Amino acid sequence: MGLLPGKHSGFAVGLNGGCVGGEGAFLGAEAPHMVPNGQPALSPSLVRVLLWHSYGMGLLTLDTLLDLERAGWDSLCNRAGAVFYGELMTEDGLMVLVNGFIMDRDAVVASLNEAPGWDRYEITDARMVAAGNSAAAIVYKAKASRGDEDPFEAVMSSTYTLVDGKPRLALYQQTTATH
């Protein structure tokens, strides 16, 4: 996994959490902790996901899927989404966006390299749907904001599968929640 401490320069582990890329933190957490090298610390959920990617994990539970989704949002706040999703998505993984775009893993990585970071996000009403022994989906409502833009609100659906005992994102879809 490319984001593991010691394997990817510029990232260090912190235990403070928060939306580590924006001006403020999310869900009432305090501002991101800065480690001595001046880089924002990774959130606890991202640290857990990084460890799971390194050491494997056998079960896809609601808590596991929520940690994966929070780690993804944290990476988007920190503008590290390209690396995170490049590693997390399966080779043939797809993202279906609210604007109707269907993107494969390479397109996702390319688009996230240029994407501005989110300042904060909120995940609510999360539910899990099991899809056999090695796959599961999580569905939830999300609200995210950055700068003076109107908040982005959507219903998200992410389907994960275990590949060599590790969770990988196979399909992600956004559905607008504002219509």
N, C-alpha and C. Protein backbone atom coordinates (compact mmCIF):
# COMPACT_ATOMS: atom_id res chain seq x y z
N MET A 1 0.85 -1.18 0.00
CA MET A 1 0.00 0.00 0.00
C MET A 1 0.88 1.23 0.00
N GLY A 2 0.65 2.13 -0.89
CA GLY A 2 1.51 3.27 -1.07
C GLY A 2 1.49 4.30 0.04
N LEU A 3 0.45 4.32 0.86
CA LEU A 3 0.35 5.36 1.87
C LEU A 3 0.90 4.97 3.23
N LEU A 4 1.46 3.79 3.37
CA LEU A 4 1.94 3.37 4.67
C LEU A 4 3.09 4.25 5.12
N PRO A 5 3.08 4.62 6.40
CA PRO A 5 4.19 5.42 6.91
C PRO A 5 5.50 4.72 6.61
N GLY A 6 6.46 5.50 6.13
CA GLY A 6 7.75 4.93 5.80
C GLY A 6 7.84 4.47 4.35
N LYS A 7 6.69 4.26 3.71
CA LYS A 7 6.69 3.85 2.31
C LYS A 7 6.30 4.99 1.38
N HIS A 8 5.77 6.06 1.92
CA HIS A 8 5.34 7.19 1.10
C HIS A 8 5.77 8.46 1.81
N SER A 9 6.74 9.13 1.28
CA SER A 9 7.26 10.32 1.95
C SER A 9 6.20 11.39 2.06
N GLY A 10 6.26 12.14 3.14
CA GLY A 10 5.33 13.25 3.34
C GLY A 10 4.15 12.90 4.21
N PHE A 11 3.90 11.63 4.48
CA PHE A 11 2.78 11.25 5.33
C PHE A 11 3.31 10.71 6.64
N ALA A 12 2.68 11.11 7.71
CA ALA A 12 3.04 10.60 9.02
C ALA A 12 1.75 10.33 9.79
N VAL A 13 1.81 9.45 10.73
CA VAL A 13 0.61 9.03 11.45
C VAL A 13 0.39 9.92 12.67
N GLY A 14 -0.83 10.39 12.83
CA GLY A 14 -1.24 11.11 14.01
C GLY A 14 -2.54 10.54 14.51
N LEU A 15 -2.92 10.82 15.72
CA LEU A 15 -4.12 10.22 16.30
C LEU A 15 -5.24 11.21 16.51
N ASN A 16 -5.12 12.40 15.97
CA ASN A 16 -6.06 13.47 16.23
C ASN A 16 -7.34 13.38 15.40
N GLY A 17 -7.26 12.86 14.20
CA GLY A 17 -8.43 12.78 13.33
C GLY A 17 -8.78 14.11 12.72
N GLY A 18 -10.00 14.19 12.21
CA GLY A 18 -10.46 15.40 11.57
C GLY A 18 -10.33 15.32 10.08
N CYS A 19 -10.88 16.30 9.42
CA CYS A 19 -10.79 16.39 7.97
C CYS A 19 -9.45 17.03 7.68
N VAL A 20 -8.44 16.24 7.39
CA VAL A 20 -7.06 16.66 7.48
C VAL A 20 -6.55 17.54 6.35
N GLY A 21 -7.42 18.02 5.48
CA GLY A 21 -6.91 18.86 4.40
C GLY A 21 -7.50 20.24 4.39
N GLY A 22 -8.63 20.43 5.04
CA GLY A 22 -9.31 21.71 4.96
C GLY A 22 -8.92 22.64 6.08
N GLU A 23 -9.53 23.81 6.06
CA GLU A 23 -9.25 24.79 7.09
C GLU A 23 -9.79 24.36 8.44
N GLY A 24 -10.93 23.66 8.43
CA GLY A 24 -11.55 23.23 9.68
C GLY A 24 -11.63 21.73 9.74
N ALA A 25 -12.03 21.25 10.87
CA ALA A 25 -12.20 19.81 11.05
C ALA A 25 -13.66 19.44 10.81
N PHE A 26 -13.94 18.17 10.76
CA PHE A 26 -15.30 17.71 10.52
C PHE A 26 -15.91 17.17 11.80
N LEU A 27 -17.23 17.13 11.82
CA LEU A 27 -17.99 16.54 12.91
C LEU A 27 -17.57 17.06 14.28
N GLY A 28 -17.21 18.32 14.35
CA GLY A 28 -16.89 18.93 15.63
C GLY A 28 -15.51 18.59 16.18
N ALA A 29 -14.70 17.85 15.45
CA ALA A 29 -13.37 17.51 15.94
C ALA A 29 -12.47 18.74 15.90
N GLU A 30 -11.41 18.69 16.66
CA GLU A 30 -10.49 19.83 16.65
C GLU A 30 -9.68 19.85 15.37
N ALA A 31 -8.99 20.93 15.14
CA ALA A 31 -8.21 21.10 13.92
C ALA A 31 -7.18 19.99 13.80
N PRO A 32 -6.77 19.66 12.57
CA PRO A 32 -5.83 18.57 12.38
C PRO A 32 -4.50 18.81 13.09
N HIS A 33 -3.98 17.75 13.61
CA HIS A 33 -2.68 17.77 14.26
C HIS A 33 -1.59 17.84 13.20
N MET A 34 -0.62 18.68 13.38
CA MET A 34 0.50 18.76 12.44
C MET A 34 1.68 18.02 13.07
N VAL A 35 2.26 17.13 12.32
CA VAL A 35 3.41 16.39 12.82
C VAL A 35 4.66 17.22 12.58
N PRO A 36 5.79 16.84 13.18
CA PRO A 36 6.99 17.68 13.09
C PRO A 36 7.44 18.04 11.68
N ASN A 37 7.17 17.19 10.68
CA ASN A 37 7.62 17.53 9.33
C ASN A 37 6.69 18.54 8.66
N GLY A 38 5.67 19.02 9.39
CA GLY A 38 4.78 20.04 8.87
C GLY A 38 3.62 19.50 8.05
N GLN A 39 3.55 18.20 7.87
CA GLN A 39 2.45 17.59 7.12
C GLN A 39 1.29 17.31 8.07
N PRO A 40 0.04 17.38 7.57
CA PRO A 40 -1.08 17.05 8.42
C PRO A 40 -1.04 15.57 8.79
N ALA A 41 -1.46 15.28 10.00
CA ALA A 41 -1.50 13.90 10.46
C ALA A 41 -2.66 13.16 9.80
N LEU A 42 -2.54 11.86 9.69
CA LEU A 42 -3.62 11.05 9.15
C LEU A 42 -4.66 10.80 10.24
N SER A 43 -5.91 10.67 9.84
CA SER A 43 -6.98 10.43 10.80
C SER A 43 -6.90 9.00 11.33
N PRO A 44 -7.48 8.74 12.50
CA PRO A 44 -7.48 7.37 13.03
C PRO A 44 -8.12 6.36 12.07
N SER A 45 -9.21 6.75 11.38
CA SER A 45 -9.84 5.80 10.47
C SER A 45 -8.92 5.49 9.30
N LEU A 46 -8.17 6.48 8.80
CA LEU A 46 -7.24 6.22 7.70
C LEU A 46 -6.10 5.33 8.17
N VAL A 47 -5.63 5.55 9.38
CA VAL A 47 -4.57 4.70 9.93
C VAL A 47 -5.04 3.25 10.01
N ARG A 48 -6.26 3.04 10.51
CA ARG A 48 -6.79 1.66 10.60
C ARG A 48 -6.89 1.03 9.22
N VAL A 49 -7.37 1.79 8.24
CA VAL A 49 -7.48 1.26 6.88
C VAL A 49 -6.10 0.92 6.33
N LEU A 50 -5.12 1.77 6.55
CA LEU A 50 -3.77 1.49 6.07
C LEU A 50 -3.23 0.21 6.69
N LEU A 51 -3.48 0.02 7.97
CA LEU A 51 -3.04 -1.20 8.62
C LEU A 51 -3.77 -2.41 8.06
N TRP A 52 -5.08 -2.29 7.80
CA TRP A 52 -5.82 -3.41 7.22
C TRP A 52 -5.28 -3.76 5.84
N HIS A 53 -4.93 -2.75 5.06
CA HIS A 53 -4.38 -3.02 3.74
C HIS A 53 -3.04 -3.73 3.84
N SER A 54 -2.28 -3.45 4.87
CA SER A 54 -0.98 -4.07 5.02
C SER A 54 -1.07 -5.49 5.54
N TYR A 55 -1.96 -5.68 6.50
CA TYR A 55 -1.98 -6.96 7.20
C TYR A 55 -3.19 -7.81 6.87
N GLY A 56 -4.10 -7.29 6.09
CA GLY A 56 -5.27 -8.05 5.70
C GLY A 56 -6.36 -7.99 6.76
N MET A 57 -7.54 -8.37 6.35
CA MET A 57 -8.69 -8.34 7.23
C MET A 57 -9.71 -9.28 6.62
N GLY A 58 -10.30 -10.15 7.39
CA GLY A 58 -11.16 -11.17 6.82
C GLY A 58 -12.62 -10.83 6.72
N LEU A 59 -13.12 -9.87 7.47
CA LEU A 59 -14.56 -9.64 7.49
C LEU A 59 -14.91 -8.23 7.02
N LEU A 60 -15.98 -8.15 6.27
CA LEU A 60 -16.50 -6.84 5.87
C LEU A 60 -17.72 -6.57 6.75
N THR A 61 -17.54 -5.70 7.73
CA THR A 61 -18.61 -5.33 8.65
C THR A 61 -19.00 -3.88 8.39
N LEU A 62 -20.10 -3.45 8.98
CA LEU A 62 -20.50 -2.05 8.84
C LEU A 62 -19.40 -1.13 9.37
N ASP A 63 -18.82 -1.47 10.52
CA ASP A 63 -17.75 -0.63 11.07
C ASP A 63 -16.56 -0.56 10.14
N THR A 64 -16.19 -1.69 9.55
CA THR A 64 -15.07 -1.72 8.61
C THR A 64 -15.36 -0.84 7.40
N LEU A 65 -16.56 -0.99 6.84
CA LEU A 65 -16.92 -0.21 5.65
C LEU A 65 -17.00 1.28 5.97
N LEU A 66 -17.52 1.62 7.15
CA LEU A 66 -17.54 3.03 7.55
C LEU A 66 -16.12 3.58 7.68
N ASP A 67 -15.21 2.80 8.26
CA ASP A 67 -13.82 3.25 8.36
C ASP A 67 -13.22 3.46 6.97
N LEU A 68 -13.51 2.56 6.04
CA LEU A 68 -13.00 2.72 4.68
C LEU A 68 -13.55 3.99 4.04
N GLU A 69 -14.85 4.23 4.20
CA GLU A 69 -15.46 5.43 3.60
C GLU A 69 -14.92 6.70 4.25
N ARG A 70 -14.79 6.70 5.57
CA ARG A 70 -14.23 7.88 6.25
C ARG A 70 -12.79 8.12 5.82
N ALA A 71 -12.02 7.05 5.67
CA ALA A 71 -10.65 7.19 5.22
C ALA A 71 -10.61 7.78 3.81
N GLY A 72 -11.54 7.36 2.97
CA GLY A 72 -11.63 7.93 1.62
C GLY A 72 -11.94 9.41 1.66
N TRP A 73 -12.93 9.80 2.46
CA TRP A 73 -13.27 11.22 2.60
C TRP A 73 -12.09 11.99 3.18
N ASP A 74 -11.43 11.41 4.19
CA ASP A 74 -10.25 12.09 4.77
C ASP A 74 -9.19 12.32 3.70
N SER A 75 -8.99 11.32 2.83
CA SER A 75 -8.00 11.48 1.77
C SER A 75 -8.41 12.57 0.79
N LEU A 76 -9.72 12.72 0.56
CA LEU A 76 -10.20 13.79 -0.32
C LEU A 76 -10.01 15.15 0.33
N CYS A 77 -10.17 15.22 1.65
CA CYS A 77 -9.91 16.48 2.36
C CYS A 77 -8.43 16.83 2.31
N ASN A 78 -7.59 15.83 2.36
CA ASN A 78 -6.14 16.01 2.41
C ASN A 78 -5.51 16.09 1.01
N ARG A 79 -6.35 16.01 -0.03
CA ARG A 79 -5.89 16.01 -1.42
C ARG A 79 -4.96 14.84 -1.70
N ALA A 80 -5.19 13.72 -1.02
CA ALA A 80 -4.44 12.49 -1.24
C ALA A 80 -5.35 11.42 -1.85
N GLY A 81 -6.49 11.84 -2.38
CA GLY A 81 -7.48 10.91 -2.92
C GLY A 81 -6.98 10.09 -4.09
N ALA A 82 -6.15 10.68 -4.94
CA ALA A 82 -5.66 9.95 -6.12
C ALA A 82 -4.87 8.72 -5.69
N VAL A 83 -3.98 8.89 -4.74
CA VAL A 83 -3.18 7.76 -4.26
C VAL A 83 -4.07 6.77 -3.51
N PHE A 84 -4.93 7.28 -2.62
CA PHE A 84 -5.77 6.41 -1.82
C PHE A 84 -6.68 5.55 -2.70
N TYR A 85 -7.43 6.19 -3.60
CA TYR A 85 -8.36 5.43 -4.44
C TYR A 85 -7.65 4.61 -5.51
N GLY A 86 -6.49 5.05 -5.94
CA GLY A 86 -5.70 4.24 -6.86
C GLY A 86 -5.31 2.91 -6.24
N GLU A 87 -5.06 2.91 -4.95
CA GLU A 87 -4.72 1.69 -4.22
C GLU A 87 -5.96 0.90 -3.82
N LEU A 88 -7.03 1.60 -3.43
CA LEU A 88 -8.23 0.95 -2.89
C LEU A 88 -9.08 0.28 -3.96
N MET A 89 -9.18 0.88 -5.13
CA MET A 89 -10.07 0.35 -6.17
C MET A 89 -9.50 -0.92 -6.80
N THR A 90 -10.41 -1.81 -7.19
CA THR A 90 -9.99 -3.00 -7.94
C THR A 90 -9.51 -2.57 -9.31
N GLU A 91 -8.80 -3.46 -9.99
CA GLU A 91 -8.28 -3.14 -11.34
C GLU A 91 -9.38 -2.67 -12.27
N ASP A 92 -10.56 -3.32 -12.19
CA ASP A 92 -11.68 -2.98 -13.08
C ASP A 92 -12.76 -2.16 -12.37
N GLY A 93 -12.41 -1.56 -11.23
CA GLY A 93 -13.37 -0.78 -10.45
C GLY A 93 -13.90 0.43 -11.20
N LEU A 94 -15.12 0.82 -10.86
CA LEU A 94 -15.77 1.97 -11.48
C LEU A 94 -16.35 2.90 -10.44
N MET A 95 -16.43 4.18 -10.80
CA MET A 95 -17.17 5.18 -10.02
C MET A 95 -18.21 5.79 -10.94
N VAL A 96 -19.47 5.84 -10.47
CA VAL A 96 -20.58 6.45 -11.20
C VAL A 96 -20.94 7.71 -10.42
N LEU A 97 -20.67 8.86 -11.02
CA LEU A 97 -20.82 10.13 -10.31
C LEU A 97 -22.21 10.73 -10.53
N VAL A 98 -22.56 11.67 -9.66
CA VAL A 98 -23.87 12.29 -9.68
C VAL A 98 -24.15 13.02 -11.00
N ASN A 99 -23.10 13.44 -11.69
CA ASN A 99 -23.26 14.13 -12.97
C ASN A 99 -23.41 13.17 -14.15
N GLY A 100 -23.43 11.87 -13.87
CA GLY A 100 -23.60 10.87 -14.91
C GLY A 100 -22.31 10.31 -15.47
N PHE A 101 -21.17 10.84 -15.07
CA PHE A 101 -19.88 10.32 -15.55
C PHE A 101 -19.65 8.93 -14.96
N ILE A 102 -19.12 8.04 -15.77
CA ILE A 102 -18.68 6.72 -15.33
C ILE A 102 -17.18 6.69 -15.53
N MET A 103 -16.45 6.48 -14.44
CA MET A 103 -14.99 6.58 -14.48
C MET A 103 -14.35 5.28 -14.03
N ASP A 104 -13.35 4.82 -14.79
CA ASP A 104 -12.57 3.66 -14.34
C ASP A 104 -11.48 4.16 -13.38
N ARG A 105 -10.72 3.22 -12.84
CA ARG A 105 -9.73 3.58 -11.83
C ARG A 105 -8.73 4.62 -12.35
N ASP A 106 -8.23 4.46 -13.56
CA ASP A 106 -7.26 5.42 -14.09
C ASP A 106 -7.85 6.82 -14.21
N ALA A 107 -9.11 6.91 -14.65
CA ALA A 107 -9.77 8.22 -14.77
C ALA A 107 -10.01 8.84 -13.40
N VAL A 108 -10.36 8.02 -12.41
CA VAL A 108 -10.56 8.52 -11.05
C VAL A 108 -9.25 9.12 -10.53
N VAL A 109 -8.17 8.38 -10.67
CA VAL A 109 -6.87 8.86 -10.19
C VAL A 109 -6.50 10.17 -10.88
N ALA A 110 -6.65 10.23 -12.20
CA ALA A 110 -6.31 11.44 -12.94
C ALA A 110 -7.16 12.63 -12.48
N SER A 111 -8.46 12.42 -12.27
CA SER A 111 -9.33 13.53 -11.87
C SER A 111 -9.03 13.99 -10.45
N LEU A 112 -8.69 13.08 -9.56
CA LEU A 112 -8.43 13.45 -8.17
C LEU A 112 -7.08 14.14 -8.00
N ASN A 113 -6.18 13.96 -8.94
CA ASN A 113 -4.91 14.68 -8.88
C ASN A 113 -5.13 16.18 -8.96
N GLU A 114 -6.19 16.60 -9.63
CA GLU A 114 -6.47 18.03 -9.84
C GLU A 114 -7.61 18.56 -8.97
N ALA A 115 -8.28 17.69 -8.23
CA ALA A 115 -9.47 18.09 -7.48
C ALA A 115 -9.12 18.90 -6.23
N PRO A 116 -9.87 19.96 -5.96
CA PRO A 116 -9.66 20.70 -4.71
C PRO A 116 -10.11 19.85 -3.52
N GLY A 117 -9.51 20.06 -2.38
CA GLY A 117 -9.88 19.30 -1.19
C GLY A 117 -11.19 19.79 -0.58
N TRP A 118 -11.85 18.89 0.12
CA TRP A 118 -13.05 19.24 0.89
C TRP A 118 -12.62 19.80 2.24
N ASP A 119 -13.40 20.71 2.79
CA ASP A 119 -13.12 21.26 4.11
C ASP A 119 -13.72 20.40 5.22
N ARG A 120 -14.89 19.85 4.96
CA ARG A 120 -15.57 19.04 5.98
C ARG A 120 -16.55 18.12 5.29
N TYR A 121 -16.93 17.07 6.00
CA TYR A 121 -17.94 16.14 5.50
C TYR A 121 -18.67 15.53 6.67
N GLU A 122 -19.82 14.95 6.35
CA GLU A 122 -20.63 14.26 7.35
C GLU A 122 -21.24 13.04 6.68
N ILE A 123 -21.18 11.92 7.36
CA ILE A 123 -21.78 10.67 6.90
C ILE A 123 -22.91 10.33 7.87
N THR A 124 -24.11 10.06 7.32
CA THR A 124 -25.25 9.68 8.16
C THR A 124 -25.99 8.51 7.54
N ASP A 125 -26.83 7.88 8.34
CA ASP A 125 -27.75 6.82 7.90
C ASP A 125 -27.06 5.69 7.16
N ALA A 126 -25.92 5.25 7.65
CA ALA A 126 -25.17 4.18 6.99
C ALA A 126 -25.84 2.83 7.21
N ARG A 127 -25.89 2.06 6.14
CA ARG A 127 -26.41 0.69 6.17
C ARG A 127 -25.50 -0.21 5.34
N MET A 128 -25.45 -1.47 5.73
CA MET A 128 -24.64 -2.43 4.99
C MET A 128 -25.54 -3.49 4.37
N VAL A 129 -25.16 -3.93 3.18
CA VAL A 129 -25.84 -5.03 2.50
C VAL A 129 -24.77 -6.07 2.19
N ALA A 130 -24.90 -7.26 2.80
CA ALA A 130 -23.95 -8.33 2.51
C ALA A 130 -24.23 -8.88 1.12
N ALA A 131 -23.17 -9.26 0.42
CA ALA A 131 -23.29 -9.83 -0.92
C ALA A 131 -22.43 -11.08 -1.00
N GLY A 132 -22.72 -12.04 -0.16
CA GLY A 132 -21.93 -13.26 -0.10
C GLY A 132 -20.85 -13.17 0.96
N ASN A 133 -19.92 -14.12 0.93
CA ASN A 133 -18.87 -14.19 1.95
C ASN A 133 -17.74 -13.20 1.74
N SER A 134 -17.57 -12.71 0.53
CA SER A 134 -16.40 -11.87 0.27
C SER A 134 -16.74 -10.53 -0.37
N ALA A 135 -17.99 -10.09 -0.22
CA ALA A 135 -18.38 -8.79 -0.77
C ALA A 135 -19.50 -8.19 0.08
N ALA A 136 -19.53 -6.87 0.13
CA ALA A 136 -20.58 -6.15 0.84
C ALA A 136 -20.65 -4.73 0.31
N ALA A 137 -21.82 -4.13 0.46
CA ALA A 137 -22.01 -2.74 0.04
C ALA A 137 -22.39 -1.91 1.26
N ILE A 138 -22.01 -0.67 1.23
CA ILE A 138 -22.44 0.30 2.23
C ILE A 138 -23.18 1.41 1.49
N VAL A 139 -24.30 1.83 2.05
CA VAL A 139 -25.10 2.92 1.51
C VAL A 139 -25.25 3.95 2.63
N TYR A 140 -25.06 5.22 2.29
CA TYR A 140 -25.16 6.27 3.31
C TYR A 140 -25.43 7.61 2.65
N LYS A 141 -25.85 8.56 3.47
CA LYS A 141 -25.99 9.94 3.02
C LYS A 141 -24.72 10.69 3.39
N ALA A 142 -24.30 11.57 2.49
CA ALA A 142 -23.11 12.37 2.75
C ALA A 142 -23.39 13.82 2.44
N LYS A 143 -22.78 14.67 3.21
CA LYS A 143 -22.83 16.11 2.98
C LYS A 143 -21.40 16.61 3.14
N ALA A 144 -20.92 17.32 2.12
CA ALA A 144 -19.55 17.83 2.16
C ALA A 144 -19.55 19.28 1.70
N SER A 145 -18.56 20.04 2.18
CA SER A 145 -18.47 21.44 1.77
C SER A 145 -17.01 21.85 1.66
N ARG A 146 -16.83 22.88 0.83
CA ARG A 146 -15.51 23.50 0.69
C ARG A 146 -15.72 24.96 0.34
N GLY A 147 -14.93 25.78 1.00
CA GLY A 147 -14.99 27.22 0.73
C GLY A 147 -16.40 27.77 0.84
N ASP A 148 -16.73 28.67 -0.10
CA ASP A 148 -18.04 29.31 -0.11
C ASP A 148 -19.04 28.59 -1.01
N GLU A 149 -18.66 27.43 -1.55
CA GLU A 149 -19.56 26.68 -2.43
C GLU A 149 -20.75 26.13 -1.66
N ASP A 150 -21.87 25.92 -2.37
CA ASP A 150 -23.00 25.24 -1.76
C ASP A 150 -22.57 23.83 -1.36
N PRO A 151 -23.11 23.32 -0.25
CA PRO A 151 -22.74 21.96 0.16
C PRO A 151 -23.14 20.93 -0.90
N PHE A 152 -22.35 19.90 -1.01
CA PHE A 152 -22.63 18.77 -1.88
C PHE A 152 -23.34 17.73 -1.04
N GLU A 153 -24.55 17.32 -1.45
CA GLU A 153 -25.31 16.31 -0.73
C GLU A 153 -25.69 15.20 -1.69
N ALA A 154 -25.43 13.96 -1.27
CA ALA A 154 -25.75 12.82 -2.13
C ALA A 154 -25.91 11.58 -1.27
N VAL A 155 -26.53 10.59 -1.88
CA VAL A 155 -26.57 9.25 -1.30
C VAL A 155 -25.45 8.48 -1.99
N MET A 156 -24.62 7.84 -1.19
CA MET A 156 -23.46 7.12 -1.71
C MET A 156 -23.68 5.63 -1.54
N SER A 157 -23.14 4.88 -2.48
CA SER A 157 -23.16 3.44 -2.41
C SER A 157 -21.80 2.94 -2.83
N SER A 158 -21.15 2.15 -1.98
CA SER A 158 -19.83 1.60 -2.28
C SER A 158 -19.88 0.09 -2.08
N THR A 159 -19.44 -0.65 -3.08
CA THR A 159 -19.40 -2.10 -3.00
C THR A 159 -17.95 -2.54 -2.91
N TYR A 160 -17.66 -3.28 -1.85
CA TYR A 160 -16.30 -3.77 -1.59
C TYR A 160 -16.25 -5.27 -1.77
N THR A 161 -15.11 -5.74 -2.20
CA THR A 161 -14.84 -7.17 -2.30
C THR A 161 -13.49 -7.45 -1.66
N LEU A 162 -13.33 -8.64 -1.13
CA LEU A 162 -12.04 -9.01 -0.58
C LEU A 162 -11.17 -9.57 -1.69
N VAL A 163 -9.99 -9.01 -1.85
CA VAL A 163 -9.02 -9.49 -2.82
C VAL A 163 -7.78 -9.85 -2.01
N ASP A 164 -7.42 -11.11 -2.02
CA ASP A 164 -6.32 -11.61 -1.20
C ASP A 164 -6.52 -11.23 0.26
N GLY A 165 -7.77 -11.29 0.73
CA GLY A 165 -8.09 -11.01 2.12
C GLY A 165 -8.15 -9.55 2.49
N LYS A 166 -8.03 -8.66 1.51
CA LYS A 166 -8.02 -7.22 1.79
C LYS A 166 -9.20 -6.56 1.09
N PRO A 167 -9.84 -5.57 1.74
CA PRO A 167 -10.99 -4.90 1.11
C PRO A 167 -10.55 -4.02 -0.04
N ARG A 168 -11.27 -4.15 -1.15
CA ARG A 168 -11.00 -3.32 -2.34
C ARG A 168 -12.34 -2.80 -2.85
N LEU A 169 -12.35 -1.58 -3.30
CA LEU A 169 -13.55 -0.92 -3.81
C LEU A 169 -13.78 -1.33 -5.27
N ALA A 170 -14.91 -2.00 -5.52
CA ALA A 170 -15.24 -2.47 -6.87
C ALA A 170 -16.16 -1.49 -7.59
N LEU A 171 -17.12 -0.91 -6.87
CA LEU A 171 -18.10 -0.02 -7.50
C LEU A 171 -18.56 1.03 -6.50
N TYR A 172 -18.57 2.27 -6.95
CA TYR A 172 -19.02 3.40 -6.12
C TYR A 172 -20.02 4.19 -6.95
N GLN A 173 -21.12 4.60 -6.32
CA GLN A 173 -22.12 5.40 -7.04
C GLN A 173 -22.65 6.51 -6.15
N GLN A 174 -22.83 7.68 -6.77
CA GLN A 174 -23.45 8.84 -6.11
C GLN A 174 -24.82 9.06 -6.73
N THR A 175 -25.80 9.36 -5.88
CA THR A 175 -27.13 9.76 -6.33
C THR A 175 -27.47 11.06 -5.65
N THR A 176 -27.90 12.06 -6.42
CA THR A 176 -28.18 13.36 -5.85
C THR A 176 -29.26 13.26 -4.77
N ALA A 177 -29.06 14.00 -3.71
CA ALA A 177 -30.03 14.04 -2.62
C ALA A 177 -30.78 15.37 -2.61
N THR A 178 -30.54 16.21 -3.59
CA THR A 178 -31.12 17.54 -3.58
C THR A 178 -32.30 17.69 -4.54
N HIS A 179 -32.66 16.64 -5.27
CA HIS A 179 -33.79 16.73 -6.20
C HIS A 179 -34.99 16.02 -5.66
